[in-house]
């Protein structure tokens, strides 16, 4: 589901309906994935 969201191929409403979940659950799932992803971490800036 997150991959579909990130590809912008479906709206949040479409994903919620397709998976039988609420809009809030879609947003929470996407947020959790972003927090777990190593790419979501901010790079260290040199001093």
Protein backbone atom coordinates (compact mmCIF):
# COMPACT_ATOMS: atom_id res chain seq x y z
CA UNK A 1 0.00 0.00 0.00
CA UNK A 2 2.80 2.43 0.84
CA UNK A 3 4.39 1.81 -2.53
CA UNK A 4 1.12 2.73 -4.25
CA UNK A 5 0.86 5.87 -2.14
CA UNK A 6 4.44 6.91 -2.83
CA UNK A 7 4.04 6.28 -6.56
CA UNK A 8 1.07 8.67 -6.46
CA UNK A 9 -0.86 6.15 -8.53
CA UNK A 10 -3.78 6.14 -6.07
CA UNK A 11 -5.38 8.69 -3.80
CA UNK A 12 -5.63 8.14 -0.06
CA UNK A 13 -9.36 7.60 -0.51
CA UNK A 14 -8.79 4.96 -3.18
CA UNK A 15 -6.27 3.13 -1.02
CA UNK A 16 -8.56 3.25 2.01
CA UNK A 17 -11.43 1.82 -0.01
CA UNK A 18 -9.29 -0.79 -1.74
CA UNK A 19 -7.84 -2.11 1.53
CA UNK A 20 -10.99 -1.61 3.62
CA UNK A 21 -9.34 0.80 6.06
CA UNK A 22 -9.83 4.41 7.12
CA UNK A 23 -8.03 7.41 5.66
CA UNK A 24 -6.31 7.86 9.03
CA UNK A 25 -4.93 4.32 8.86
CA UNK A 26 -3.45 5.02 5.43
CA UNK A 27 -1.74 8.15 6.76
CA UNK A 28 -0.50 6.36 9.90
CA UNK A 29 0.91 3.48 7.87
CA UNK A 30 2.73 5.83 5.50
CA UNK A 31 4.11 7.82 8.45
CA UNK A 32 5.34 4.69 10.24
CA UNK A 33 7.10 3.49 7.09
CA UNK A 34 8.77 6.90 6.70
CA UNK A 35 9.99 6.78 10.31
CA UNK A 36 11.43 3.27 9.82
CA UNK A 37 13.09 3.99 6.49
CA UNK A 38 16.82 4.74 6.58
CA UNK A 39 16.20 7.27 3.79
CA UNK A 40 13.96 9.25 6.14
CA UNK A 41 16.87 10.06 8.43
CA UNK A 42 18.44 13.46 8.02
CA UNK A 43 22.05 13.36 6.88
CA UNK A 44 24.66 14.63 9.30
CA UNK A 45 25.94 18.05 8.35
CA UNK A 46 29.68 18.64 8.64
CA UNK A 47 30.79 20.90 11.50
